[in-house]
Protein backbone atom coordinates (compact mmCIF):
# COMPACT_ATOMS: atom_id res chain seq x y z
CA MET A 1 0.32 0.13 0.30
CA THR A 2 2.91 2.11 1.03
CA VAL A 3 4.09 1.92 -2.66
CA ASN A 4 1.08 2.52 -4.45
CA PHE A 5 0.52 5.28 -2.26
CA SER A 6 3.83 6.90 -3.02
CA PHE A 7 3.54 6.26 -6.91
CA LYS A 8 0.20 7.47 -7.00
CA SER A 9 1.33 10.97 -4.80
CA ILE A 10 4.14 11.17 -7.54
CA THR A 11 2.14 10.62 -10.72
CA ILE A 12 -0.11 13.26 -9.20
CA THR A 13 2.24 15.44 -8.64
CA SER A 14 3.93 15.17 -11.67
CA ILE A 15 1.09 15.98 -13.44
CA VAL A 16 0.32 19.08 -11.06
CA VAL A 17 3.37 20.68 -11.96
CA VAL A 18 3.64 19.82 -15.64
CA PHE A 19 0.26 21.54 -15.91
CA LEU A 20 1.35 24.76 -14.10
CA PHE A 21 4.48 24.66 -16.02
CA TYR A 22 2.09 24.62 -19.53
CA ILE A 23 -0.21 27.43 -18.06
CA LEU A 24 3.01 29.51 -17.30
CA GLY A 25 4.27 29.09 -20.61
CA VAL A 26 1.16 29.73 -22.28
CA PHE A 27 1.72 33.18 -20.07
CA TRP A 28 4.85 34.36 -20.77
CA SER A 29 4.73 33.12 -24.68
CA PHE A 30 2.22 36.37 -24.64
CA GLU A 31 3.39 39.12 -26.97
CA PRO A 32 3.56 42.51 -25.94
CA GLY A 33 0.91 45.20 -26.79
CA THR A 34 2.02 47.98 -28.55
CA PHE A 35 3.02 51.62 -26.97
CA ASP A 36 2.32 55.27 -27.94
CA VAL A 37 6.43 56.64 -28.30
CA ARG A 38 4.93 60.68 -28.53
CA GLU A 39 3.00 59.98 -24.95
CA GLN A 40 6.10 58.08 -23.75
CA ALA A 41 8.62 60.50 -24.90
CA VAL A 42 6.23 63.48 -23.19
CA ASN A 43 5.80 61.32 -20.03
CA ASP A 44 9.40 60.68 -19.74
CA ALA A 45 10.57 64.41 -20.22
CA LYS A 46 8.04 65.52 -17.86
CA VAL A 47 9.44 63.06 -14.70
CA ALA A 48 13.26 63.97 -16.20
CA ASN A 49 11.99 68.00 -16.23
CA VAL A 50 13.91 68.11 -19.44
CA LYS A 51 11.97 69.74 -23.07
CA PRO A 52 11.78 66.93 -25.54
CA VAL A 53 14.52 67.98 -28.11
CA VAL A 54 14.56 66.72 -31.22
CA GLY A 55 15.84 63.09 -31.24
CA TYR A 56 14.68 62.39 -28.04
CA THR A 57 11.52 60.52 -29.04
CA THR A 58 13.83 57.96 -30.94
CA THR A 59 16.01 57.63 -28.30
CA THR A 60 13.07 57.19 -25.95
CA THR A 61 11.81 54.68 -28.21
CA LEU A 62 14.75 52.35 -27.98
CA ILE A 63 15.19 52.65 -24.26
CA ARG A 64 11.45 51.44 -24.05
CA VAL A 65 11.83 48.76 -26.83
CA ALA A 66 14.92 47.08 -25.25
CA GLU A 67 13.36 47.16 -21.57
CA LYS A 68 10.39 45.04 -23.29
CA LEU A 69 12.91 42.27 -23.50
CA GLN A 70 13.34 42.05 -19.82
CA ASP A 71 9.95 43.52 -18.54
CA LYS A 72 7.48 41.67 -20.39
CA PRO A 73 5.93 38.39 -18.72
CA GLY A 74 8.86 35.81 -18.15
CA GLY A 75 11.02 38.31 -18.42
CA TYR A 76 13.75 37.54 -21.36
CA LEU A 77 13.48 33.85 -22.14
CA SER A 78 16.14 33.31 -24.65
CA ASN A 79 19.07 32.15 -22.53
CA ASP A 80 16.81 30.14 -19.97
CA LYS A 81 17.94 26.93 -18.94
CA ILE A 82 15.00 25.38 -16.74
CA PRO A 83 11.70 24.92 -17.61
CA PRO A 84 9.19 26.14 -18.51
CA SER A 85 11.19 28.42 -20.83
CA LEU A 86 12.95 25.81 -21.80
CA PHE A 87 10.81 24.37 -23.63
CA LEU A 88 9.42 27.60 -25.45
CA ASP A 89 10.58 28.63 -28.79
CA ASN A 90 8.02 31.21 -30.29
CA ILE A 91 8.90 34.01 -27.89
CA PRO A 92 12.37 33.55 -27.29
CA ALA A 93 12.23 34.18 -31.64
CA TRP A 94 10.45 37.15 -31.00
CA GLU A 95 13.02 38.49 -28.77
CA PHE A 96 15.48 37.99 -30.92
CA GLY A 97 13.49 39.98 -33.80
CA VAL A 98 13.20 43.05 -31.76
CA LEU A 99 17.01 42.45 -30.51
CA GLU A 100 17.70 42.59 -34.28
CA MET A 101 15.90 45.96 -34.84
CA VAL A 102 17.59 47.13 -31.82
CA ARG A 103 20.72 46.11 -32.90
CA ASP A 104 20.31 48.20 -36.24
CA LEU A 105 18.91 51.34 -34.55
CA SER A 106 21.26 51.58 -31.84
CA LEU A 107 24.53 51.01 -34.66
CA VAL A 108 22.66 54.06 -37.02
CA MET A 109 22.57 56.12 -34.19
CA ARG A 110 26.25 55.52 -33.14
CA GLN A 111 27.27 56.04 -36.46
CA SER A 112 24.98 58.58 -38.27
CA PHE A 113 22.38 59.91 -36.17
CA SER A 114 24.64 61.47 -33.45
CA ARG A 115 27.47 62.66 -35.44
CA SER A 116 27.53 65.63 -37.84
CA GLN A 117 29.86 64.44 -40.25
CA SER A 118 31.96 61.20 -40.86
CA GLN A 119 35.01 62.83 -39.53
CA SER A 120 33.03 64.00 -36.06
CA LEU A 121 33.96 61.96 -33.00
CA GLU A 122 31.47 59.23 -31.53
CA ASN A 123 29.33 60.19 -28.61
CA LYS A 124 30.75 58.03 -25.46
CA HIS A 125 27.41 56.85 -24.31
CA LEU A 126 26.07 55.56 -27.55
CA LYS A 127 29.89 53.91 -28.57
CA ASN A 128 29.39 52.12 -25.10
CA ALA A 129 25.85 51.12 -25.32
CA GLN A 130 25.92 49.59 -29.19
CA PRO A 131 28.23 46.67 -28.43
CA LYS A 132 26.48 45.45 -25.55
CA PHE A 133 23.30 44.65 -27.31
CA ASN A 134 25.81 42.72 -29.94
CA ILE A 135 26.36 39.78 -27.39
CA ASP A 136 25.00 35.95 -27.98
CA ALA A 137 21.37 36.75 -27.20
CA TYR A 138 21.53 33.25 -25.66
CA THR A 139 24.57 33.94 -23.20
CA TRP A 140 23.52 32.98 -19.26
CA ALA A 141 27.17 33.00 -17.69
CA ILE A 142 28.69 36.34 -16.63
CA PRO A 143 28.43 38.12 -18.66
CA SER A 144 24.73 37.59 -19.04
CA ALA A 145 22.76 38.77 -22.16
CA GLU A 146 19.75 40.59 -20.12
CA GLY A 147 22.79 42.23 -18.03
CA GLU A 148 24.43 43.18 -21.10
CA TYR A 149 21.53 44.63 -22.72
CA SER A 150 20.56 46.54 -19.08
CA SER A 151 23.89 48.20 -19.03
CA ALA A 152 23.29 48.98 -22.65
CA VAL A 153 20.03 50.78 -21.66
CA GLU A 154 21.58 52.79 -18.93
CA ASP A 155 23.85 54.06 -21.52
CA LEU A 156 21.12 55.48 -23.63
CA TYR A 157 19.55 56.89 -20.41
CA ALA A 158 22.56 58.35 -20.26
CA TYR A 159 22.98 60.00 -24.07
CA ARG A 160 19.22 60.98 -23.65
CA GLN A 161 19.94 63.06 -20.50
CA ASP A 162 22.74 64.95 -22.02
CA LEU A 163 21.03 64.95 -25.21
CA ALA A 164 18.40 67.50 -23.29
CA ASP A 165 20.97 69.11 -21.74
CA PRO A 166 21.48 72.47 -23.31
CA LEU A 167 24.63 72.91 -21.85
CA VAL A 168 26.01 69.32 -23.03
CA GLN A 169 27.56 69.93 -26.37
CA ASP A 170 28.91 66.71 -27.36
CA ALA A 171 25.67 65.06 -27.10
CA GLN A 172 23.77 65.99 -30.38
CA PHE A 173 21.12 64.08 -32.20
CA TYR A 174 21.08 65.15 -36.46
CA ALA A 175 17.83 64.96 -38.09
CA ARG A 176 18.91 64.95 -41.87
CA ALA A 177 17.98 63.15 -44.58
CA ASP A 178 21.23 61.78 -45.44
CA ASN A 179 20.99 60.08 -42.23
CA LEU A 180 17.64 58.59 -42.26
CA ARG A 181 18.61 57.37 -45.62
CA ASP A 182 21.44 55.34 -43.84
CA TYR A 183 19.02 53.90 -41.56
CA LEU A 184 16.37 53.11 -44.09
CA ARG A 185 18.89 51.13 -46.45
CA GLU A 186 20.03 49.00 -43.34
CA ILE A 187 16.22 47.97 -42.41
CA GLU A 188 15.75 47.58 -46.42
CA LYS A 189 18.00 44.65 -46.25
CA ARG A 190 16.20 42.97 -42.92
CA LEU A 191 13.15 42.96 -44.03
CA GLY A 192 13.91 41.68 -47.28
CA SER A 193 15.59 38.79 -45.36
CA TYR A 194 12.73 38.22 -43.05
CA SER A 195 10.64 37.75 -46.50
CA GLN A 196 12.22 35.60 -48.97
CA ARG A 197 12.68 33.57 -45.09
CA LEU A 198 8.91 33.65 -45.12
CA SER A 199 8.13 32.63 -48.37
CA ALA A 200 10.42 30.40 -48.77
CA SER A 201 7.67 28.15 -46.19
CA VAL A 202 6.41 26.93 -49.88
CA GLY A 203 9.72 25.39 -51.80
CA ARG A 204 10.26 26.76 -55.00
CA ASN A 205 13.40 26.61 -57.51
CA GLN A 206 14.99 30.35 -56.94
CA LEU A 207 17.06 31.67 -59.72
CA ASN A 208 20.44 33.06 -58.45
CA THR A 209 20.35 36.54 -58.92
CA ASP A 210 24.03 37.35 -56.73
CA LEU A 211 25.80 38.96 -59.45
CA ALA A 212 22.81 40.42 -61.71
CA GLY A 213 22.93 43.76 -63.03
CA ASP A 214 26.88 43.89 -63.32
CA LYS A 215 28.54 41.73 -66.36
CA ASP A 216 32.15 41.74 -64.32
CA ALA A 217 30.81 41.12 -61.06
CA VAL A 218 32.50 38.30 -59.59
CA GLN A 219 32.20 36.12 -56.52
CA SER A 220 34.83 34.16 -54.12
CA THR A 221 33.45 30.37 -54.95
CA PHE A 222 31.19 28.56 -57.40
CA SER A 223 27.20 29.23 -56.71
CA ALA A 224 24.49 26.76 -58.72
CA SER A 225 22.37 28.68 -61.22
CA ALA A 226 19.35 27.61 -59.52
CA VAL A 227 18.37 26.77 -56.16
CA ILE A 228 15.43 24.70 -54.36
CA VAL A 229 14.41 27.30 -51.66
CA LYS A 230 12.68 26.15 -48.77
CA THR A 231 12.31 26.71 -44.89
CA SER A 232 12.32 23.54 -43.04
CA TRP A 233 8.99 22.57 -41.44
CA TRP A 234 10.28 22.64 -37.82
CA LYS A 235 11.43 26.47 -38.13
CA ILE A 236 8.88 28.06 -40.20
CA ASP A 237 7.13 29.02 -36.59
CA ASP A 238 10.19 30.40 -35.57
CA VAL A 239 10.81 32.73 -38.79
CA PHE A 240 7.01 33.53 -38.43
CA TYR A 241 7.68 35.05 -34.85
CA GLU A 242 11.18 36.43 -35.39
CA SER A 243 9.64 38.49 -37.89
CA ARG A 244 6.57 39.82 -35.97
CA GLY A 245 8.78 40.80 -33.22
CA ALA A 246 10.98 42.78 -36.01
CA CYS A 247 7.76 44.35 -37.01
CA TRP A 248 6.77 45.18 -34.05
CA ALA A 249 10.13 46.98 -32.84
CA LEU A 250 10.43 48.75 -36.54
CA LEU A 251 6.65 49.62 -35.99
CA HIS A 252 7.66 51.86 -32.76
CA MET A 253 10.94 52.93 -34.22
CA LEU A 254 9.51 54.09 -37.21
CA GLN A 255 6.82 56.29 -35.73
CA ALA A 256 9.85 58.00 -33.56
CA ILE A 257 11.16 58.83 -36.96
CA GLU A 258 7.94 60.21 -37.81
CA VAL A 259 8.37 62.44 -34.95
CA ASP A 260 12.10 63.33 -35.09
CA PHE A 261 12.65 63.92 -38.58
CA ALA A 262 8.76 65.49 -39.39
CA ASP A 263 10.74 68.50 -41.28
CA VAL A 264 12.87 66.70 -43.13
CA LEU A 265 10.12 64.25 -44.10
CA GLU A 266 7.66 67.26 -44.67
CA ASN A 267 10.02 68.75 -46.88
CA LYS A 268 10.23 65.86 -49.15
CA ASN A 269 6.36 65.70 -48.91
CA ALA A 270 7.32 62.00 -47.48
CA THR A 271 5.33 62.17 -44.36
CA VAL A 272 2.28 60.12 -45.88
CA SER A 273 5.22 57.78 -47.49
CA VAL A 274 6.27 56.62 -43.89
CA SER A 275 2.39 56.83 -42.44
CA GLN A 276 1.90 54.08 -45.22
CA ILE A 277 5.03 51.76 -44.28
CA ILE A 278 3.56 52.10 -40.57
CA ARG A 279 -0.04 51.10 -41.65
CA GLU A 280 1.50 47.85 -43.47
CA LEU A 281 3.61 47.01 -40.13
CA GLU A 282 0.77 47.31 -38.12
CA ALA A 283 -0.96 44.44 -39.88
CA THR A 284 1.36 42.16 -38.98
CA GLN A 285 0.70 42.36 -35.84
CA ALA A 286 -3.14 40.91 -36.14
CA ALA A 287 -3.97 38.15 -33.65
CA VAL A 288 -3.25 34.95 -34.45
CA TRP A 289 -6.44 32.85 -34.28
CA SER A 290 -4.73 29.78 -34.95
CA PRO A 291 -3.31 27.91 -32.37
CA MET A 292 -0.24 26.80 -34.62
CA ILE A 293 1.35 28.33 -37.60
CA LEU A 294 -0.02 27.17 -40.00
CA ASN A 295 2.25 26.06 -43.32
CA GLY A 296 -0.04 25.23 -46.34
CA SER A 297 1.02 25.17 -49.66
CA GLY A 298 0.71 28.55 -51.75
CA PHE A 299 -2.70 27.80 -53.12
CA GLY A 300 -3.45 25.05 -51.18
CA ILE A 301 -6.49 24.28 -48.88
CA GLY A 302 -4.80 25.14 -45.63
CA ALA A 303 -3.43 28.72 -44.95
CA ASN A 304 -0.04 29.54 -44.57
CA HIS A 305 0.65 32.27 -42.42
CA SER A 306 3.98 33.24 -43.26
CA LEU A 307 2.96 34.21 -46.77
CA VAL A 308 0.23 36.51 -45.28
CA MET A 309 3.26 37.83 -43.10
CA ALA A 310 5.62 38.13 -45.95
CA ASN A 311 3.01 39.75 -48.04
CA TYR A 312 2.91 43.10 -45.66
CA ILE A 313 6.86 42.96 -44.72
CA SER A 314 7.44 42.61 -48.42
CA ARG A 315 4.78 45.72 -49.50
CA ALA A 316 6.43 47.32 -46.20
CA ASN A 317 10.06 47.05 -47.79
CA ALA A 318 9.23 48.54 -51.20
CA ALA A 319 7.81 51.26 -49.75
CA LEU A 320 10.82 51.69 -48.03
CA ILE A 321 12.76 51.52 -50.96
CA ASP A 322 10.54 54.50 -52.30
CA LEU A 323 11.09 56.02 -49.67
CA ARG A 324 14.58 56.12 -49.65
CA GLU A 325 14.42 57.28 -53.15
CA LEU A 326 12.36 60.24 -52.73
CA LEU A 327 15.13 61.26 -49.67
CA SER A 328 17.50 61.02 -52.07
CA GLN A 329 15.99 63.34 -54.39
CA GLY A 330 17.00 67.04 -54.11
């Protein structure tokens, strides 16, 4: 009887623990909602008792997006080594997509937005912050990924404080058309990659266009003239959520750009272009009602969520390319 009772107790306890882990995993898998970047910047400026100068909204948005990686339900999960987060893959993929956009914007802020010209000095706070975002997302030992990200956010707070202080002259944010083009060029490549990976949920024969457009172009090693491109069935949900996280972050960053580069965009009659890109990115954040990401064929009976996401991202990317060309015009 004692043995049977012990076995029964262990079985019941195991079932309860697994059920609790499941509930916790579901709760931790909820994606954060969007926030108002203008309101966030205004509120932060009031708390700091400063005026939200040019660049304040973009910096605040970068800070808030980076903080969301850690203050959402469950905190930062990508480098967790214990259940239930050990068994989650969708939200860590979402985190990585957000992180990629944080890395892109922090790099452009360091190299372009904060510098008046190529020979000008880098801002010390951005110089410290940007490399910290590049630590491996899965590092859990000292220094941990979240520890480095938190330190980078502190550097961004210091930069923002100096930015709003009229007595500090070496912290600047230059809202110019050429600086904005640098940023758009970075995210064009990122969105193009996401669109390709999402579209590859349906395998297809793709021609090699790596050297197209330049008859004298060469590459290091031989590549086949055509390849079969297909994202693994096991990875398609990860690609979907990574893209979704990247679009969530970029949505807020472009809303901040819309504020800080308002004069530049108005001068180029490009404000509506940014608004259209934001609208396409908002569509990527619609609720997913299916319990799993479906990977049906392109014109088959089953839905293909990846192709729907790829459609919105491709349209946003096409609009980004048009915007960059518009900004390059006199």
